[in-house]
Amino acid sequence: MAKGQTRESVRMALDTLRNNKLRSGLTILGIVIGVSTVIGISSMVSGINNRVSGFINSLGSNVFWIGRLPIIGVRPTAEMLARKMLTVDDAKALRDLPHVATTDAEGVYIKSFQVGDVSAKYKGKKVAGAILAGDFPEIMDVTDLTLVQGRMFTDAEDARAAHVVVLGHDTWQELFGDEPAVGKDIEVESGVYTVIGVLDVRKRPFGSGKNPRDNILVFPFNTFHYLHPEITDLTLIVKYDTPKNKDLVEEEIRELLRIRRKVRVDKADDFEIFGPDSLSRLWDQLTTGLVIFMIAVSSVGLMVGGVGVMNIMLVSVTERTREIGVRKAIGATRRTILTQFTTEAVTLCSIGGILGILLGAIITWIVYFLPIGLPATLSTTWVLIGFGSSCAIGLVFGIYPAWKAANLDPIEALRYE
């Protein structure tokens, strides 16, 4: 169809909207809802993906965590719970592998939160729900932690189980506000410990809220062992030289631990190796489910909108039967009529798509500036998908009315009252 005829078809579609505002509005409402759902949810997913990706990158691309149980994503089985504990000696043995830079063994105590529980006190100020962790000085190297005050404890302090502690950023602010904490004594579980350092704020997975690891008290490993001797389930942290050696290092770790733990050749590992890519895969699984849900919800709206467009086009064909007869009588072909009505249907749906994109963009903007700080980033890819889907719906659901119009008998059409 020529450009002039295309413009005429678009003009007729706009006239249909103007002349039947309520009917047309209700017709494309499903399209608007479907497309705005796609834009809104995809924007939030895209924004969160960017933040999570930044958080994963902050963990380091050359770090492994090794645990007796899966760290996340899997419910432990009876076999897993019966596994032997990993030990400090395991961490030291891993340090001797050729591509390993350093290692740490970490014990963690997290008390189930109850009203009235206090993790630490200082001059009447209290902090609750804090993580208590026991580490070696190497924790600074394997996790790239930084200090805003003071220093990390030394091997000598660990060896003698010195009563010293390094505070997480949130723990420091809860107890001291903005005052310097180094050199001051705090009470932890009836013991007195001298603050020797304060950690900087850690990366937050979603860009807002708090990172639980900012509310932490880090003790020398042996000090922590005296505090909580019942904590024997350790996590080993391994930092290796370069990301390109990832597979090689993982295989070396697996081989060494299998030998140390006397795992038979025909048996599976009795430990779990976890890296940043494992977290990426888990997050991808979660977002895949969310995207499927988004597509399902938006598809309903688009289908409802498509049926509405088909109905209004059928009504339009009936109302314009004589016009179609006149056009055919003066030489319009079936193809011309078919293209005209299909173009009108696509135009109606594309208008719905544009309105849906605008509504989705407004939702994204509102979410971005809400106090919850949920990141939302408008995705060009999903904007194009949303607009393309609305046009495709117009094409699919506009074919039948267009076909019906194109196949009207011109003589019968001219007789239509």
Protein backbone atom coordinates (compact mmCIF):
# COMPACT_ATOMS: atom_id res chain seq x y z
CA MET A 1 0.00 0.00 0.00
CA ALA A 2 1.31 3.49 -0.90
CA LYS A 3 2.46 5.98 1.73
CA GLY A 4 -0.62 8.13 1.16
CA GLN A 5 -2.93 5.17 1.77
CA THR A 6 -0.97 4.22 4.91
CA ARG A 7 -1.34 7.75 6.27
CA GLU A 8 -5.05 7.63 5.47
CA SER A 9 -5.43 4.34 7.37
CA VAL A 10 -3.63 5.80 10.39
CA ARG A 11 -5.82 8.91 10.21
CA MET A 12 -8.95 6.76 10.13
CA ALA A 13 -7.75 4.84 13.18
CA LEU A 14 -7.20 8.12 15.05
CA ASP A 15 -10.66 9.29 13.97
CA THR A 16 -12.09 6.07 15.38
CA LEU A 17 -10.42 6.83 18.71
CA ARG A 18 -11.70 10.42 18.75
CA ASN A 19 -15.24 9.53 17.74
CA ASN A 20 -15.53 6.65 20.20
CA LYS A 21 -13.36 7.78 23.10
CA LEU A 22 -14.92 5.62 25.83
CA ARG A 23 -15.20 2.51 23.67
CA SER A 24 -11.69 2.93 22.28
CA GLY A 25 -10.26 3.65 25.73
CA LEU A 26 -11.78 0.49 27.19
CA THR A 27 -10.62 -1.42 24.11
CA ILE A 28 -6.94 -0.54 24.51
CA LEU A 29 -7.02 -0.65 28.34
CA GLY A 30 -5.81 -4.26 28.31
CA ILE A 31 -2.91 -3.28 26.05
CA VAL A 32 -2.00 -0.40 28.37
CA ILE A 33 -2.09 -2.63 31.46
CA GLY A 34 -0.11 -5.40 29.78
CA VAL A 35 2.64 -3.13 28.46
CA SER A 36 2.89 -1.05 31.66
CA THR A 37 3.25 -4.30 33.63
CA VAL A 38 6.13 -5.36 31.37
CA ILE A 39 7.84 -1.97 31.68
CA GLY A 40 7.29 -1.61 35.44
CA ILE A 41 8.44 -5.07 36.50
CA SER A 42 11.29 -5.25 33.98
CA SER A 43 12.57 -1.86 35.16
CA MET A 44 12.68 -3.05 38.76
CA VAL A 45 14.32 -6.35 37.77
CA SER A 46 16.85 -4.51 35.60
CA GLY A 47 17.71 -2.09 38.38
CA ILE A 48 18.04 -4.83 40.98
CA ASN A 49 20.15 -6.89 38.55
CA ASN A 50 22.57 -3.98 38.19
CA ARG A 51 22.86 -3.59 41.97
CA VAL A 52 23.24 -7.32 42.60
CA SER A 53 25.84 -7.54 39.85
CA GLY A 54 27.79 -4.74 41.51
CA PHE A 55 27.49 -6.48 44.88
CA ILE A 56 28.73 -9.79 43.44
CA ASN A 57 31.66 -8.03 41.79
CA SER A 58 32.51 -6.44 45.14
CA LEU A 59 32.93 -9.92 46.61
CA GLY A 60 35.86 -10.46 44.27
CA SER A 61 36.13 -12.60 41.18
CA ASN A 62 38.93 -14.69 42.67
CA VAL A 63 37.40 -15.90 45.94
CA PHE A 64 35.96 -19.26 47.01
CA TRP A 65 33.94 -20.05 50.13
CA ILE A 66 34.05 -23.65 51.32
CA GLY A 67 31.51 -25.03 53.74
CA ARG A 68 30.32 -28.32 55.14
CA LEU A 69 26.82 -27.45 53.94
CA PRO A 70 25.56 -25.55 50.89
CA ILE A 71 25.79 -21.85 51.72
CA ILE A 72 22.54 -20.89 50.00
CA GLY A 73 19.86 -22.30 47.74
CA VAL A 74 19.68 -25.92 48.99
CA ARG A 75 18.03 -27.43 52.04
CA PRO A 76 20.57 -29.66 53.85
CA THR A 77 19.93 -33.40 53.70
CA ALA A 78 20.62 -35.93 56.46
CA GLU A 79 23.85 -36.91 54.66
CA MET A 80 25.00 -33.28 54.59
CA LEU A 81 24.26 -32.78 58.29
CA ALA A 82 26.35 -35.86 59.12
CA ARG A 83 29.46 -34.53 57.37
CA LYS A 84 32.69 -33.82 59.24
CA MET A 85 33.47 -30.24 60.16
CA LEU A 86 36.05 -28.25 58.24
CA THR A 87 39.00 -27.20 60.37
CA VAL A 88 41.60 -24.48 60.74
CA ASP A 89 44.21 -27.01 59.61
CA ASP A 90 42.25 -27.43 56.36
CA ALA A 91 42.52 -23.69 55.77
CA LYS A 92 46.27 -23.75 56.44
CA ALA A 93 46.73 -26.71 54.08
CA LEU A 94 44.87 -24.88 51.31
CA ARG A 95 47.23 -21.95 51.75
CA ASP A 96 50.06 -24.11 50.42
CA LEU A 97 48.38 -24.70 47.03
CA PRO A 98 50.38 -23.12 44.17
CA HIS A 99 47.79 -20.55 43.01
CA VAL A 100 46.31 -19.68 46.41
CA ALA A 101 47.22 -16.24 47.75
CA THR A 102 45.82 -16.61 51.27
CA THR A 103 43.02 -18.26 53.27
CA ASP A 104 40.90 -17.65 56.34
CA ALA A 105 38.77 -19.85 58.58
CA GLU A 106 35.69 -18.14 60.00
CA GLY A 107 33.34 -19.13 62.78
CA VAL A 108 30.03 -17.30 63.11
CA TYR A 109 27.53 -17.06 65.94
CA ILE A 110 24.09 -15.64 65.16
CA LYS A 111 21.66 -15.73 68.06
CA SER A 112 17.97 -16.06 67.24
CA PHE A 113 16.64 -12.57 67.85
CA GLN A 114 14.39 -12.13 70.87
CA VAL A 115 13.05 -8.96 72.43
CA GLY A 116 15.48 -7.81 75.11
CA ASP A 117 18.51 -9.60 73.66
CA VAL A 118 21.68 -7.52 73.69
CA SER A 119 24.82 -8.32 71.69
CA ALA A 120 27.02 -5.52 73.03
CA LYS A 121 26.83 -2.57 75.44
CA TYR A 122 28.69 0.67 75.93
CA LYS A 123 27.76 3.24 78.60
CA GLY A 124 24.06 2.49 78.50
CA LYS A 125 23.89 2.14 74.72
CA LYS A 126 23.04 -1.29 73.40
CA VAL A 127 23.11 -3.11 70.09
CA ALA A 128 21.02 -6.21 69.40
CA GLY A 129 21.07 -8.88 66.72
CA ALA A 130 24.75 -8.45 65.90
CA ILE A 131 26.75 -11.22 64.23
CA LEU A 132 29.70 -12.47 66.30
CA ALA A 133 32.52 -13.72 64.08
CA GLY A 134 35.91 -15.27 64.73
CA ASP A 135 38.58 -14.79 62.08
CA PHE A 136 42.30 -14.70 61.50
CA PRO A 137 44.07 -11.47 60.45
CA GLU A 138 44.00 -12.76 56.84
CA ILE A 139 40.28 -11.87 56.69
CA MET A 140 41.36 -8.41 55.54
CA ASP A 141 43.09 -9.88 52.51
CA VAL A 142 40.61 -12.56 51.43
CA THR A 143 37.56 -10.27 51.54
CA ASP A 144 39.12 -6.88 50.70
CA LEU A 145 37.69 -5.31 53.87
CA THR A 146 38.71 -1.77 54.70
CA LEU A 147 38.91 0.02 58.02
CA VAL A 148 37.71 3.55 58.74
CA GLN A 149 39.25 3.54 62.21
CA GLY A 150 42.09 1.68 63.88
CA ARG A 151 43.54 -1.63 62.74
CA MET A 152 42.90 -5.35 62.46
CA PHE A 153 44.12 -7.68 65.21
CA THR A 154 47.47 -9.44 64.83
CA ASP A 155 48.58 -13.08 64.88
CA ALA A 156 50.03 -12.49 68.36
CA GLU A 157 46.68 -11.19 69.64
CA ASP A 158 44.96 -14.20 68.14
CA ALA A 159 47.49 -16.61 69.67
CA ARG A 160 46.91 -15.29 73.19
CA ALA A 161 43.13 -14.85 72.67
CA ALA A 162 43.36 -11.15 73.42
CA HIS A 163 40.20 -9.33 74.46
CA VAL A 164 40.08 -7.10 71.40
CA VAL A 165 37.35 -6.61 68.82
CA VAL A 166 36.76 -4.92 65.46
CA LEU A 167 33.29 -3.42 65.00
CA GLY A 168 31.13 -3.38 61.91
CA HIS A 169 30.08 0.07 60.72
CA ASP A 170 26.47 -0.17 61.95
CA THR A 171 27.56 -1.63 65.30
CA TRP A 172 29.94 1.29 65.81
CA GLN A 173 27.24 3.87 65.03
CA GLU A 174 24.72 2.16 67.33
CA LEU A 175 27.16 2.20 70.25
CA PHE A 176 29.20 5.35 69.64
CA GLY A 177 27.31 7.51 67.16
CA ASP A 178 30.01 9.36 65.25
CA GLU A 179 32.51 9.33 68.11
CA PRO A 180 35.85 7.51 67.70
CA ALA A 181 35.64 4.00 69.14
CA VAL A 182 39.26 2.85 69.08
CA GLY A 183 40.68 2.26 72.55
CA LYS A 184 37.30 2.13 74.27
CA ASP A 185 35.97 -0.91 76.10
CA ILE A 186 32.61 -2.53 75.36
CA GLU A 187 30.78 -5.34 77.10
CA VAL A 188 30.00 -8.48 75.11
CA GLU A 189 28.34 -11.43 76.84
CA SER A 190 29.62 -10.38 80.28
CA GLY A 191 33.17 -9.94 79.00
CA VAL A 192 35.00 -6.67 78.37
CA TYR A 193 36.73 -6.15 75.01
CA THR A 194 38.77 -3.25 73.70
CA VAL A 195 37.78 -1.83 70.32
CA ILE A 196 40.83 -1.69 68.05
CA GLY A 197 39.15 -1.00 64.70
CA VAL A 198 35.96 -0.11 62.82
CA LEU A 199 35.10 -1.54 59.40
CA ASP A 200 33.89 0.56 56.49
CA VAL A 201 30.35 0.16 55.13
CA ARG A 202 29.98 -2.97 53.03
CA LYS A 203 28.36 -3.15 49.63
CA ARG A 204 24.59 -3.57 49.79
CA PRO A 205 23.02 -6.10 47.41
CA PHE A 206 20.00 -3.97 46.49
CA GLY A 207 21.59 -0.57 46.92
CA SER A 208 19.44 0.31 49.93
CA GLY A 209 18.61 -0.88 53.40
CA LYS A 210 21.34 -2.43 55.52
CA ASN A 211 23.89 -5.15 54.94
CA PRO A 212 23.60 -7.60 57.88
CA ARG A 213 27.39 -7.91 57.89
CA ASP A 214 27.65 -4.25 58.91
CA ASN A 215 26.19 -5.18 62.31
CA ILE A 216 29.06 -7.45 63.32
CA LEU A 217 31.71 -7.88 65.98
CA VAL A 218 34.88 -9.53 64.65
CA PHE A 219 37.11 -11.23 67.21
CA PRO A 220 40.45 -13.01 66.87
CA PHE A 221 39.65 -16.64 66.12
CA ASN A 222 40.88 -18.00 69.46
CA THR A 223 39.07 -15.26 71.38
CA PHE A 224 35.87 -16.21 69.58
CA HIS A 225 36.53 -19.87 70.40
CA TYR A 226 36.59 -19.06 74.12
CA LEU A 227 33.37 -17.08 73.73
CA HIS A 228 31.55 -19.82 71.81
CA PRO A 229 33.40 -23.13 71.96
CA GLU A 230 30.28 -24.86 70.62
CA ILE A 231 30.78 -23.23 67.19
CA THR A 232 32.86 -25.76 65.28
CA ASP A 233 31.21 -25.46 61.88
CA LEU A 234 33.68 -23.24 60.04
CA THR A 235 33.61 -21.59 56.65
CA LEU A 236 36.92 -21.52 54.78
CA ILE A 237 37.60 -18.53 52.54
CA VAL A 238 40.21 -18.91 49.80
CA LYS A 239 41.63 -16.09 47.70
CA TYR A 240 43.62 -17.14 44.64
CA ASP A 241 45.89 -15.27 42.27
CA THR A 242 43.88 -14.48 39.11
CA PRO A 243 40.34 -15.21 37.84
CA LYS A 244 41.75 -17.11 34.85
CA ASN A 245 42.90 -19.86 37.22
CA LYS A 246 39.42 -20.33 38.71
CA ASP A 247 38.77 -23.84 37.37
CA LEU A 248 42.30 -25.02 38.15
CA VAL A 249 42.17 -23.71 41.73
CA GLU A 250 38.73 -25.19 42.31
CA GLU A 251 39.97 -28.60 41.17
CA GLU A 252 43.08 -28.33 43.37
CA ILE A 253 40.93 -27.43 46.39
CA ARG A 254 38.58 -30.31 45.70
CA GLU A 255 41.42 -32.80 45.31
CA LEU A 256 43.22 -31.69 48.49
CA LEU A 257 40.10 -31.67 50.67
CA ARG A 258 38.98 -35.08 49.40
CA ILE A 259 42.38 -36.48 50.40
CA ARG A 260 42.35 -34.77 53.81
CA ARG A 261 38.77 -35.86 54.51
CA LYS A 262 39.40 -39.39 53.16
CA VAL A 263 36.54 -39.32 50.65
CA ARG A 264 36.43 -42.50 48.57
CA VAL A 265 36.86 -42.21 44.81
CA ASP A 266 33.33 -43.47 44.14
CA LYS A 267 31.74 -41.01 46.59
CA ALA A 268 30.61 -37.42 46.06
CA ASP A 269 32.29 -34.48 47.81
CA ASP A 270 31.35 -34.08 51.47
CA PHE A 271 31.86 -30.31 51.30
CA GLU A 272 30.63 -27.45 49.13
CA ILE A 273 32.69 -24.98 47.11
CA PHE A 274 30.93 -21.72 46.44
CA GLY A 275 32.05 -18.74 44.35
CA PRO A 276 30.55 -15.45 43.13
CA ASP A 277 29.38 -17.23 39.96
CA SER A 278 27.28 -19.55 42.14
CA LEU A 279 25.48 -16.52 43.54
CA SER A 280 25.00 -15.20 40.01
CA ARG A 281 23.43 -18.49 38.91
CA LEU A 282 21.08 -18.51 41.90
CA TRP A 283 20.03 -14.92 41.26
CA ASP A 284 19.48 -15.69 37.57
CA GLN A 285 17.14 -18.53 38.58
CA LEU A 286 15.15 -16.18 40.80
CA THR A 287 14.88 -13.45 38.16
CA THR A 288 13.96 -16.01 35.48
CA GLY A 289 10.96 -17.00 37.58
CA LEU A 290 10.03 -13.34 38.02
CA VAL A 291 10.32 -12.68 34.28
CA ILE A 292 8.09 -15.70 33.53
CA PHE A 293 5.52 -14.35 36.02
CA MET A 294 5.76 -10.91 34.40
CA ILE A 295 5.21 -12.37 30.93
CA ALA A 296 2.23 -14.42 32.17
CA VAL A 297 0.55 -11.39 33.79
CA SER A 298 1.21 -9.07 30.87
CA SER A 299 0.08 -11.70 28.37
CA VAL A 300 -3.35 -11.78 29.98
CA GLY A 301 -3.67 -8.01 29.61
CA LEU A 302 -2.42 -8.11 26.03
CA MET A 303 -4.80 -10.93 25.09
CA VAL A 304 -7.75 -9.09 26.64
CA GLY A 305 -6.69 -5.98 24.77
CA GLY A 306 -6.33 -7.97 21.56
CA VAL A 307 -9.85 -9.39 21.86
CA GLY A 308 -11.14 -5.87 22.54
CA VAL A 309 -9.40 -4.53 19.44
CA MET A 310 -10.85 -7.35 17.35
CA ASN A 311 -14.34 -6.54 18.63
CA ILE A 312 -14.07 -2.81 17.95
CA MET A 313 -12.70 -3.52 14.48
CA LEU A 314 -15.61 -5.87 13.75
CA VAL A 315 -18.00 -3.12 14.86
CA SER A 316 -16.07 -0.67 12.70
CA VAL A 317 -16.37 -2.98 9.68
CA THR A 318 -20.14 -3.23 10.22
CA GLU A 319 -20.54 0.56 10.62
CA ARG A 320 -18.48 1.24 7.50
CA THR A 321 -19.96 -1.44 5.26
CA ARG A 322 -21.30 1.09 2.73
CA GLU A 323 -17.95 2.92 2.73
CA ILE A 324 -16.19 -0.37 1.95
CA GLY A 325 -18.70 -0.99 -0.86
CA VAL A 326 -18.03 2.45 -2.35
CA ARG A 327 -14.25 1.98 -2.14
CA LYS A 328 -14.50 -1.39 -3.88
CA ALA A 329 -16.84 0.04 -6.52
CA ILE A 330 -14.28 2.70 -7.47
CA GLY A 331 -11.44 0.19 -7.73
CA ALA A 332 -10.11 -0.64 -4.26
CA THR A 333 -8.73 -4.18 -4.20
CA ARG A 334 -9.14 -6.79 -1.47
CA ARG A 335 -5.49 -6.27 -0.57
CA THR A 336 -6.04 -2.52 -0.16
CA ILE A 337 -9.02 -3.03 2.17
CA LEU A 338 -7.18 -5.79 4.08
CA THR A 339 -4.13 -3.58 4.59
CA GLN A 340 -6.24 -0.56 5.55
CA PHE A 341 -8.12 -2.29 8.37
CA THR A 342 -5.02 -4.17 9.57
CA THR A 343 -3.16 -0.85 9.74
CA GLU A 344 -6.01 0.63 11.77
CA ALA A 345 -5.86 -2.26 14.25
CA VAL A 346 -2.07 -1.97 14.59
CA THR A 347 -2.39 1.80 15.07
CA LEU A 348 -4.95 1.33 17.87
CA CYS A 349 -2.69 -1.18 19.63
CA SER A 350 0.44 0.91 19.13
CA ILE A 351 -1.31 3.83 20.83
CA GLY A 352 -2.13 1.49 23.70
CA GLY A 353 1.51 0.40 23.72
CA ILE A 354 2.78 3.99 23.87
CA LEU A 355 0.39 4.81 26.73
CA GLY A 356 1.51 1.62 28.50
CA ILE A 357 5.18 2.60 28.12
CA LEU A 358 4.46 6.07 29.54
CA LEU A 359 2.53 4.57 32.48
CA GLY A 360 5.32 2.04 33.08
CA ALA A 361 7.91 4.84 32.99
CA ILE A 362 5.90 6.83 35.56
CA ILE A 363 5.68 3.74 37.80
CA THR A 364 9.45 3.28 37.44
CA TRP A 365 10.06 6.91 38.35
CA ILE A 366 7.80 6.69 41.42
CA VAL A 367 9.43 3.46 42.63
CA TYR A 368 12.91 4.92 42.15
CA PHE A 369 12.14 7.89 44.41
CA LEU A 370 10.22 5.99 47.09
CA PRO A 371 11.84 5.94 50.56
CA ILE A 372 12.38 2.16 50.29
CA GLY A 373 15.10 2.95 47.75
CA LEU A 374 14.26 0.01 45.48
CA PRO A 375 16.41 0.50 42.37
CA ALA A 376 14.50 0.77 39.11
CA THR A 377 16.08 1.38 35.72
CA LEU A 378 14.07 1.81 32.54
CA SER A 379 15.20 -0.89 30.11
CA THR A 380 15.35 0.10 26.44
CA THR A 381 15.16 -3.56 25.46
CA TRP A 382 11.89 -4.11 27.34
CA VAL A 383 10.46 -0.81 26.05
CA LEU A 384 11.03 -2.08 22.50
CA ILE A 385 9.61 -5.51 23.44
CA GLY A 386 6.53 -3.87 24.97
CA PHE A 387 5.90 -1.67 21.95
CA GLY A 388 6.60 -4.52 19.53
CA SER A 389 4.22 -6.81 21.43
CA SER A 390 1.41 -4.27 21.26
CA CYS A 391 1.89 -3.89 17.50
CA ALA A 392 2.00 -7.67 17.08
CA ILE A 393 -1.26 -8.01 19.03
CA GLY A 394 -2.85 -5.46 16.69
CA LEU A 395 -1.62 -7.40 13.67
CA VAL A 396 -2.80 -10.79 14.94
CA PHE A 397 -6.21 -9.68 16.23
CA GLY A 398 -6.80 -7.24 13.40
CA ILE A 399 -6.41 -9.82 10.65
CA TYR A 400 -9.87 -11.38 11.00
CA PRO A 401 -11.86 -8.09 10.90
CA ALA A 402 -9.66 -6.91 8.02
CA TRP A 403 -10.21 -10.19 6.17
CA LYS A 404 -13.96 -9.89 6.73
CA ALA A 405 -13.94 -6.32 5.38
CA ALA A 406 -11.83 -7.30 2.36
CA ASN A 407 -14.20 -10.13 1.44
CA LEU A 408 -17.42 -8.11 1.56
CA ASP A 409 -19.38 -8.27 -1.69
CA PRO A 410 -19.41 -4.68 -3.07
CA ILE A 411 -23.02 -4.94 -4.31
CA GLU A 412 -24.29 -6.25 -0.95
CA ALA A 413 -22.18 -3.65 0.85
CA LEU A 414 -23.72 -0.79 -1.16
CA ARG A 415 -27.21 -2.07 -0.29
CA TYR A 416 -26.38 -2.14 3.43
CA GLU A 417 -28.41 0.35 5.50
